Structure formats: structure tokens, C-alpha cells
Amino acid sequence: MKRILVVYYTQSGQLKEILDDFIQPFDSEDYQITWHRIEPEEPYGFPWEPYAFFDAFPESVNEKPCALKKPEIEQEQQFDMVILGHQPWFLSPAIPVHSFLQTVYAQKWLKGSKVVTVIGARNMWIGAQESIKRSIDKLGGKLIANVVFRDRTENFTGIVTIARWLFTGKKRRVWGILPKPGVSDKDIGHAHVFGELIEKNWHEKIPDALQTQIIDAGGTHLSAGLMSLEERAKKIFKFWATFIAKKGGPGDKARRHRITFFRIYLPTGITLFGPIILLLSSIFNLITIWRVKKRMAYYKSIRIKN
């Protein structure tokens, strides 16, 4: 019997729905499945209170851990495969997820195990996944596959619909016109297809063979324009995160003014500069198409840059 650990963090419950469908092919006597939901000692509320959302920004980007509740699973348990469900916060891993990866539990459970990452995202996930890749490698795990579930809505429409969901908790059509936010019910109900690929091929001896199958099945969609936008935004976010963190940690009143400035800057930058950057990136990507394809192939892969 193979032992599988499913580790995840979710606020809205969407990622748990994805994983429930994803894990179906392993529902047999050949597998023993253990679930662990990552829980912070001080929960991040959902829907978000706006200031709390932006107050989480520096620790997300700088990957400063929060305190987590002790898992009910024994630390010494070992698993043949770990399925790690995660979501990006501000182009970085969600605080509870990167906090978990800094615990002794992660050290024990991932070491020597094959790892599959399952991402629930709006549309930008490469920065978060690069960090997760490095953490898995550092912990001695072997990443064998990554599957991305995303909001398929056009970028700027998605910003509006996701923001409404985050701050109201209402996952439904906006004003009766804009689409429902988040990963579609159809895609959630399709998650088991990727689980089937992994169940059949997780012992593949060729390192990238399983991930190639997932890519071919549409499991890692990536837009060239959004890739370039995220690469640039990641550097800007790092500057702001460092700037804010210099005034203290989460909830510190000394940094409220800097967070307020960021709250103004972010929507302004997205509205005014986002379209311009996307346009220029698209033009530049056409000129350097071979480099773009190389970068896209890397981000879709399970490889890690040296």
C-alpha cells in the first residue's frame, strides 16, 4: 500500500474542492490517503478586511513565517508521495504555505518523498511556484509534477471579479454581467483527469516525462504577456515589501502609512501602467520569441534554475 499525504491551505474552500476531485483516482485499497490542512494560529479571515489584506503583503513577498497550529499527524510518519496544494499571495506563496515549508514537519514528510504541487490561482503563479520548487528541493523532496488551476477570465476583468470575491466573500457574477470569479466548476470537476495521469505515471523513470504529459493535457497554461508582467511586478513588489517591513511587522501601527501608500499605488499601477507594460511586453516578446519560448518552457517544467 502506498501512503499519500495531501497538504493544503485554503481560505475560501476552492482549493479543497479542486483537491477532492484531483485525488479521486487514488481512492482505492492500493493507497492510504492522509489529509493535513495548514492552519495558522491566528487565522487569515475570509472574506478579507481590506487593510488586513494589504498588511499581509510584506510577509508574503519576504516569506516571513507565521505561527501554525500543531498538526495532528505524527511528525515521524513517512509518505511515498506528498500532494501540496498552494495558492499565490502577491506573486509569492501564501504565508501559511511558506510557513509550513519552514517547519520540522515539512522536513520530515517531504524528505525522500515524491511531490506533486497543485496550484489554485487567478492567472499569475510562476513566482510562487519557483519559491515552492526551491523549498521542496531544499527539504530533500523530489518534485515530479505541477498542475495549475486558474481563473480563465481576461486579466483586468478578473481583477474586478476576484477583488469583489476577496472582500465580500460572494463568489458569483458581478452586477449580473461579469463572469463568476475563480476556477470554474467545469475545471474543478476536471481535476481528476490530472490525478489519473499522476496515478498511472508517478513511477516514470524519465525525469520530465510525467510533467510533459500534464503540459500536453493543458495543465500548466501560461500567457507570454502575463509572464513578462509578473517578472517585472515581482521586482517592484520586493521593493515595496522591504520598504514597508522596515517600519515593523504585521499589525504594527508604524507601517500603516506605508501600507496606505501601497494600497493607492497598486490599483493605480494596475490600471494605468499594466496595459502599457502588457503591450510593450507583447511587442518585445515577438522580437525575442525564442527567448520567450525558452522561459515559458522552463516555468512549465519541474526543473530548478541553477
Foldseek 3Di string as FASTA:
>chain_A
DFEEEEEEEDALCLLVLLVVLQCVVVPDPVYDYHYWYKAAPDHQHPLHDVLLLLLQLLCQLVLPAGHTDDTPDDLQDEGQEYEYEFEHRLQATRRSRSNVLPDSSVLNHQAPHEYEYEYWYAARHLSHVLVVLVSSVVSNHHYQAYFYFHWPDPDVLQVVQVVCCSNPVDQAADPVPRGGHTGDPVVSNVSNVLSVLCVVPVVPPDRFVSLVVCVVVVGDDHDLLVVQVSVVSSVVSNVLSVVLCVQHHRPDPSSSVSSVVVVVVVVVCCVPVVVVSSVVSVVVCVVVVVVSVVVVVVSSTSDHDD
